[in-house]
Amino acid sequence: MDAPTLTDAPLTLRPLRPEDRAARRRHGWHAEIERGYGSSTRTRAMTDDELARWSADWEHGAAAPDRIHWVLDVDGEAVGAAFLHAIDPVDRRARYAIGLYHPARMGRGLGRRVTRLVLGYAFGPLGLHRVDLRVLVDNLRARATYRACGFVEEGREREVCLRDGQWHDDVVMAVLEHEFDSGAVG
């Protein structure tokens, strides 16, 4: 599905541009961010093969009829990505994901602003009734962001992620259209 451009200056959610590949490579991998996704990756540069896989995954996902992918652009720089996927127009639901590329962007309310923009689109023009997500139980920062945007914890999927030799649960969270306050300050 084509990604519409959504804006809350200086933040813009937009489709991928060719120059975003260089920005993604420049940001590399950061252990703090990757732990939140369940990875044990250490902070390091992105290899050519990883960049090629990232690009291919993005292009494949952006072309899928049940997905919308956005680049998070702050002041002209790609700093992350957000996705609605598994979009089901019959049951009017989708799954949400967001990721920042660099820890310097964390803790500044960016995730909350992005989430509110995506939910406004999901419950507005897209006409969805439900948006859900999965988040690792120890990703407290993300869970707090999602709660602030109206998500409610619905349960757990036990031991879904093996990281550093230990199992971790996913928390299932969702927000329904009547629970989302599009006018709330994020």
C-alpha atoms as a PDB file:
ATOM      1  CA  MET A   1       0.000   0.000   0.000  1.00  0.00           C
ATOM      2  CA  ASP A   2       1.284   3.491  -0.721  1.00  0.00           C
ATOM      3  CA  ALA A   3       2.314   5.455   2.341  1.00  0.00           C
ATOM      4  CA  PRO A   4       0.637   8.848   2.619  1.00  0.00           C
ATOM      5  CA  THR A   5       2.769  11.670   3.985  1.00  0.00           C
ATOM      6  CA  LEU A   6       1.865  12.609   7.572  1.00  0.00           C
ATOM      7  CA  THR A   7       3.328  15.673   9.288  1.00  0.00           C
ATOM      8  CA  ASP A   8       3.761  17.073  12.793  1.00  0.00           C
ATOM      9  CA  ALA A   9       6.622  19.545  12.175  1.00  0.00           C
ATOM     10  CA  PRO A  10       9.531  19.009  12.297  1.00  0.00           C
ATOM     11  CA  LEU A  11       8.496  15.338  12.021  1.00  0.00           C
ATOM     12  CA  THR A  12       7.335  13.912   8.696  1.00  0.00           C
ATOM     13  CA  LEU A  13       6.276  10.332   7.980  1.00  0.00           C
ATOM     14  CA  ARG A  14       6.843   9.661   4.297  1.00  0.00           C
ATOM     15  CA  PRO A  15       7.729   6.992   1.732  1.00  0.00           C
ATOM     16  CA  LEU A  16      11.333   5.826   1.319  1.00  0.00           C
ATOM     17  CA  ARG A  17      13.660   7.949  -0.834  1.00  0.00           C
ATOM     18  CA  PRO A  18      16.950   6.751  -2.418  1.00  0.00           C
ATOM     19  CA  GLU A  19      19.033   8.902  -0.050  1.00  0.00           C
ATOM     20  CA  ASP A  20      17.493   7.163   2.982  1.00  0.00           C
ATOM     21  CA  ARG A  21      19.715   4.145   2.386  1.00  0.00           C
ATOM     22  CA  ALA A  22      22.803   6.244   3.149  1.00  0.00           C
ATOM     23  CA  ALA A  23      21.155   7.587   6.315  1.00  0.00           C
ATOM     24  CA  ARG A  24      20.255   4.058   7.442  1.00  0.00           C
ATOM     25  CA  ARG A  25      23.818   2.895   6.884  1.00  0.00           C
ATOM     26  CA  ARG A  26      25.229   5.959   8.693  1.00  0.00           C
ATOM     27  CA  HIS A  27      23.150   5.179  11.796  1.00  0.00           C
ATOM     28  CA  GLY A  28      24.300   1.530  11.916  1.00  0.00           C
ATOM     29  CA  TRP A  29      23.252  -0.842  14.700  1.00  0.00           C
ATOM     30  CA  HIS A  30      22.943   0.177  18.355  1.00  0.00           C
ATOM     31  CA  ALA A  31      22.840  -2.388  21.149  1.00  0.00           C
ATOM     32  CA  GLU A  32      20.294  -0.443  23.233  1.00  0.00           C
ATOM     33  CA  ILE A  33      17.829  -0.262  20.358  1.00  0.00           C
ATOM     34  CA  GLU A  34      18.412  -3.815  19.143  1.00  0.00           C
ATOM     35  CA  ARG A  35      17.818  -5.244  22.654  1.00  0.00           C
ATOM     36  CA  GLY A  36      14.347  -3.721  22.524  1.00  0.00           C
ATOM     37  CA  TYR A  37      13.650  -5.835  19.435  1.00  0.00           C
ATOM     38  CA  GLY A  38      15.067  -8.979  21.002  1.00  0.00           C
ATOM     39  CA  SER A  39      18.492  -8.953  19.381  1.00  0.00           C
ATOM     40  CA  SER A  40      21.899  -9.258  21.031  1.00  0.00           C
ATOM     41  CA  THR A  41      23.554  -7.185  18.296  1.00  0.00           C
ATOM     42  CA  ARG A  42      26.376  -5.006  19.543  1.00  0.00           C
ATOM     43  CA  THR A  43      26.759  -1.376  18.513  1.00  0.00           C
ATOM     44  CA  ARG A  44      28.511  -1.455  15.149  1.00  0.00           C
ATOM     45  CA  ALA A  45      28.441  -0.278  11.558  1.00  0.00           C
ATOM     46  CA  MET A  46      26.035  -1.769   9.019  1.00  0.00           C
ATOM     47  CA  THR A  47      27.668  -4.039   6.433  1.00  0.00           C
ATOM     48  CA  ASP A  48      27.007  -3.888   2.679  1.00  0.00           C
ATOM     49  CA  ASP A  49      25.050  -7.168   2.879  1.00  0.00           C
ATOM     50  CA  GLU A  50      22.932  -5.892   5.770  1.00  0.00           C
ATOM     51  CA  LEU A  51      22.142  -2.685   3.907  1.00  0.00           C
ATOM     52  CA  ALA A  52      21.171  -4.713   0.818  1.00  0.00           C
ATOM     53  CA  ARG A  53      18.870  -6.926   2.945  1.00  0.00           C
ATOM     54  CA  TRP A  54      17.383  -3.857   4.657  1.00  0.00           C
ATOM     55  CA  SER A  55      16.674  -2.266   1.274  1.00  0.00           C
ATOM     56  CA  ALA A  56      15.166  -5.471  -0.141  1.00  0.00           C
ATOM     57  CA  ASP A  57      13.008  -5.985   2.968  1.00  0.00           C
ATOM     58  CA  TRP A  58      11.784  -2.399   2.761  1.00  0.00           C
ATOM     59  CA  GLU A  59      10.929  -2.642  -0.933  1.00  0.00           C
ATOM     60  CA  HIS A  60       9.196  -5.997  -0.470  1.00  0.00           C
ATOM     61  CA  GLY A  61       7.180  -4.752   2.509  1.00  0.00           C
ATOM     62  CA  ALA A  62       6.269  -1.441   0.898  1.00  0.00           C
ATOM     63  CA  ALA A  63       4.905  -3.318  -2.128  1.00  0.00           C
ATOM     64  CA  ALA A  64       2.720  -5.649  -0.045  1.00  0.00           C
ATOM     65  CA  PRO A  65      -1.010  -4.875  -0.257  1.00  0.00           C
ATOM     66  CA  ASP A  66      -1.516  -5.321   3.506  1.00  0.00           C
ATOM     67  CA  ARG A  67       1.298  -3.014   4.693  1.00  0.00           C
ATOM     68  CA  ILE A  68       2.124   0.663   4.932  1.00  0.00           C
ATOM     69  CA  HIS A  69       5.740   1.664   5.605  1.00  0.00           C
ATOM     70  CA  TRP A  70       6.867   5.150   6.592  1.00  0.00           C
ATOM     71  CA  VAL A  71      10.290   6.700   6.978  1.00  0.00           C
ATOM     72  CA  LEU A  72      10.528   8.897  10.084  1.00  0.00           C
ATOM     73  CA  ASP A  73      12.051  12.123   8.813  1.00  0.00           C
ATOM     74  CA  VAL A  74      13.186  14.838  11.222  1.00  0.00           C
ATOM     75  CA  ASP A  75      14.538  17.994   9.619  1.00  0.00           C
ATOM     76  CA  GLY A  76      15.228  16.158   6.361  1.00  0.00           C
ATOM     77  CA  GLU A  77      17.015  13.144   7.851  1.00  0.00           C
ATOM     78  CA  ALA A  78      15.712   9.564   7.989  1.00  0.00           C
ATOM     79  CA  VAL A  79      15.866   8.644  11.686  1.00  0.00           C
ATOM     80  CA  GLY A  80      13.610   5.573  11.846  1.00  0.00           C
ATOM     81  CA  ALA A  81      10.637   3.730  10.418  1.00  0.00           C
ATOM     82  CA  ALA A  82       7.021   2.965  11.305  1.00  0.00           C
ATOM     83  CA  PHE A  83       4.729   0.292   9.896  1.00  0.00           C
ATOM     84  CA  LEU A  84       1.149  -0.794   9.808  1.00  0.00           C
ATOM     85  CA  HIS A  85       1.095  -4.407   8.663  1.00  0.00           C
ATOM     86  CA  ALA A  86      -1.300  -7.333   8.513  1.00  0.00           C
ATOM     87  CA  ILE A  87      -3.941  -4.753   7.567  1.00  0.00           C
ATOM     88  CA  ASP A  88      -7.305  -6.515   7.429  1.00  0.00           C
ATOM     89  CA  PRO A  89      -9.988  -4.321   5.828  1.00  0.00           C
ATOM     90  CA  VAL A  90     -12.779  -6.791   6.642  1.00  0.00           C
ATOM     91  CA  ASP A  91     -12.136  -6.908  10.385  1.00  0.00           C
ATOM     92  CA  ARG A  92     -10.743  -3.342  10.246  1.00  0.00           C
ATOM     93  CA  ARG A  93      -7.543  -4.095  12.130  1.00  0.00           C
ATOM     94  CA  ALA A  94      -3.775  -3.913  11.742  1.00  0.00           C
ATOM     95  CA  ARG A  95      -0.549  -4.426  13.648  1.00  0.00           C
ATOM     96  CA  TYR A  96       1.809  -1.527  14.443  1.00  0.00           C
ATOM     97  CA  ALA A  97       5.605  -1.351  14.712  1.00  0.00           C
ATOM     98  CA  ILE A  98       8.082   1.484  15.056  1.00  0.00           C
ATOM     99  CA  GLY A  99      11.857   1.631  15.195  1.00  0.00           C
ATOM    100  CA  LEU A 100      14.394   4.397  15.621  1.00  0.00           C
ATOM    101  CA  TYR A 101      17.839   4.085  14.074  1.00  0.00           C
ATOM    102  CA  HIS A 102      19.932   5.931  16.664  1.00  0.00           C
ATOM    103  CA  PRO A 103      19.708   6.169  20.481  1.00  0.00           C
ATOM    104  CA  ALA A 104      20.276   9.942  20.337  1.00  0.00           C
ATOM    105  CA  ARG A 105      16.656  10.186  19.111  1.00  0.00           C
ATOM    106  CA  MET A 106      15.286   8.240  22.080  1.00  0.00           C
ATOM    107  CA  GLY A 107      13.697   9.876  25.108  1.00  0.00           C
ATOM    108  CA  ARG A 108      12.551  12.971  23.230  1.00  0.00           C
ATOM    109  CA  GLY A 109       8.906  12.066  22.623  1.00  0.00           C
ATOM    110  CA  LEU A 110       9.475  11.139  18.988  1.00  0.00           C
ATOM    111  CA  GLY A 111       7.993   7.648  19.365  1.00  0.00           C
ATOM    112  CA  ARG A 112       4.864   9.078  20.923  1.00  0.00           C
ATOM    113  CA  ARG A 113       4.444  11.664  18.164  1.00  0.00           C
ATOM    114  CA  VAL A 114       4.944   9.058  15.439  1.00  0.00           C
ATOM    115  CA  THR A 115       2.522   6.636  17.084  1.00  0.00           C
ATOM    116  CA  ARG A 116      -0.156   9.307  17.414  1.00  0.00           C
ATOM    117  CA  LEU A 117       0.231  10.289  13.737  1.00  0.00           C
ATOM    118  CA  VAL A 118      -0.043   6.668  12.591  1.00  0.00           C
ATOM    119  CA  LEU A 119      -3.052   5.992  14.833  1.00  0.00           C
ATOM    120  CA  GLY A 120      -4.752   9.157  13.586  1.00  0.00           C
ATOM    121  CA  TYR A 121      -4.358   7.854  10.041  1.00  0.00           C
ATOM    122  CA  ALA A 122      -5.372   4.298  11.002  1.00  0.00           C
ATOM    123  CA  PHE A 123      -8.579   5.364  12.752  1.00  0.00           C
ATOM    124  CA  GLY A 124      -9.293   8.231  10.361  1.00  0.00           C
ATOM    125  CA  PRO A 125      -8.744   7.803   6.617  1.00  0.00           C
ATOM    126  CA  LEU A 126      -7.919   4.075   6.832  1.00  0.00           C
ATOM    127  CA  GLY A 127     -11.099   3.400   8.846  1.00  0.00           C
ATOM    128  CA  LEU A 128      -9.649   0.786  11.192  1.00  0.00           C
ATOM    129  CA  HIS A 129     -11.306  -0.325  14.427  1.00  0.00           C
ATOM    130  CA  ARG A 130      -8.291  -1.935  16.147  1.00  0.00           C
ATOM    131  CA  VAL A 131      -4.508  -1.553  16.075  1.00  0.00           C
ATOM    132  CA  ASP A 132      -2.398  -3.970  18.076  1.00  0.00           C
ATOM    133  CA  LEU A 133       1.271  -4.682  18.677  1.00  0.00           C
ATOM    134  CA  ARG A 134       3.705  -6.954  20.446  1.00  0.00           C
ATOM    135  CA  VAL A 135       6.480  -5.530  22.649  1.00  0.00           C
ATOM    136  CA  LEU A 136       9.069  -7.305  24.768  1.00  0.00           C
ATOM    137  CA  VAL A 137       8.157  -7.266  28.448  1.00  0.00           C
ATOM    138  CA  ASP A 138      11.430  -5.567  29.426  1.00  0.00           C
ATOM    139  CA  ASN A 139      11.090  -2.770  26.843  1.00  0.00           C
ATOM    140  CA  LEU A 140       9.655  -0.415  29.452  1.00  0.00           C
ATOM    141  CA  ARG A 141      10.260   2.759  27.444  1.00  0.00           C
ATOM    142  CA  ALA A 142       8.207   1.470  24.497  1.00  0.00           C
ATOM    143  CA  ARG A 143       5.437   0.132  26.736  1.00  0.00           C
ATOM    144  CA  ALA A 144       5.115   3.544  28.425  1.00  0.00           C
ATOM    145  CA  THR A 145       4.928   5.251  25.016  1.00  0.00           C
ATOM    146  CA  TYR A 146       2.203   2.897  23.831  1.00  0.00           C
ATOM    147  CA  ARG A 147       0.165   3.357  27.039  1.00  0.00           C
ATOM    148  CA  ALA A 148       0.434   7.141  26.647  1.00  0.00           C
ATOM    149  CA  CYS A 149      -1.064   6.749  23.145  1.00  0.00           C
ATOM    150  CA  GLY A 150      -4.048   4.736  24.389  1.00  0.00           C
ATOM    151  CA  PHE A 151      -2.810   1.149  24.045  1.00  0.00           C
ATOM    152  CA  VAL A 152      -4.045  -1.283  26.694  1.00  0.00           C
ATOM    153  CA  GLU A 153      -2.170  -4.392  27.760  1.00  0.00           C
ATOM    154  CA  GLU A 154      -4.272  -7.424  26.825  1.00  0.00           C
ATOM    155  CA  GLY A 155      -1.995 -10.302  27.751  1.00  0.00           C
ATOM    156  CA  ARG A 156       1.302 -12.030  27.141  1.00  0.00           C
ATOM    157  CA  GLU A 157       2.818 -14.401  24.685  1.00  0.00           C
ATOM    158  CA  ARG A 158       5.174 -16.416  26.852  1.00  0.00           C
ATOM    159  CA  GLU A 159       8.815 -17.041  26.004  1.00  0.00           C
ATOM    160  CA  VAL A 160       8.764 -15.774  22.425  1.00  0.00           C
ATOM    161  CA  CYS A 161      12.267 -14.315  22.335  1.00  0.00           C
ATOM    162  CA  LEU A 162      15.539 -16.032  23.205  1.00  0.00           C
ATOM    163  CA  ARG A 163      18.054 -13.272  23.903  1.00  0.00           C
ATOM    164  CA  ASP A 164      21.385 -13.790  25.612  1.00  0.00           C
ATOM    165  CA  GLY A 165      20.405 -17.338  26.557  1.00  0.00           C
ATOM    166  CA  GLN A 166      17.193 -16.335  28.364  1.00  0.00           C
ATOM    167  CA  TRP A 167      13.556 -16.417  27.287  1.00  0.00           C
ATOM    168  CA  HIS A 168      11.501 -13.208  27.271  1.00  0.00           C
ATOM    169  CA  ASP A 169       7.748 -12.662  26.964  1.00  0.00           C
ATOM    170  CA  ASP A 170       5.944 -10.372  24.556  1.00  0.00           C
ATOM    171  CA  VAL A 171       3.206  -8.118  25.919  1.00  0.00           C
ATOM    172  CA  VAL A 172       0.174  -7.875  23.629  1.00  0.00           C
ATOM    173  CA  MET A 173      -1.240  -4.346  23.521  1.00  0.00           C
ATOM    174  CA  ALA A 174      -4.072  -2.823  21.492  1.00  0.00           C
ATOM    175  CA  VAL A 175      -6.053   0.357  21.089  1.00  0.00           C
ATOM    176  CA  LEU A 176      -9.588   0.551  19.683  1.00  0.00           C
ATOM    177  CA  GLU A 177     -10.893   3.436  17.619  1.00  0.00           C
ATOM    178  CA  HIS A 178     -13.173   4.734  20.395  1.00  0.00           C
ATOM    179  CA  GLU A 179     -10.246   4.660  22.877  1.00  0.00           C
ATOM    180  CA  PHE A 180      -7.965   6.820  20.735  1.00  0.00           C
ATOM    181  CA  ASP A 181      -8.131  10.534  21.433  1.00  0.00           C
ATOM    182  CA  SER A 182      -6.851  12.243  18.310  1.00  0.00           C
ATOM    183  CA  GLY A 183      -6.836  15.596  20.055  1.00  0.00           C
ATOM    184  CA  ALA A 184      -4.772  14.517  23.061  1.00  0.00           C
ATOM    185  CA  VAL A 185      -1.408  16.190  23.394  1.00  0.00           C
ATOM    186  CA  GLY A 186       1.336  13.597  22.923  1.00  0.00           C
END
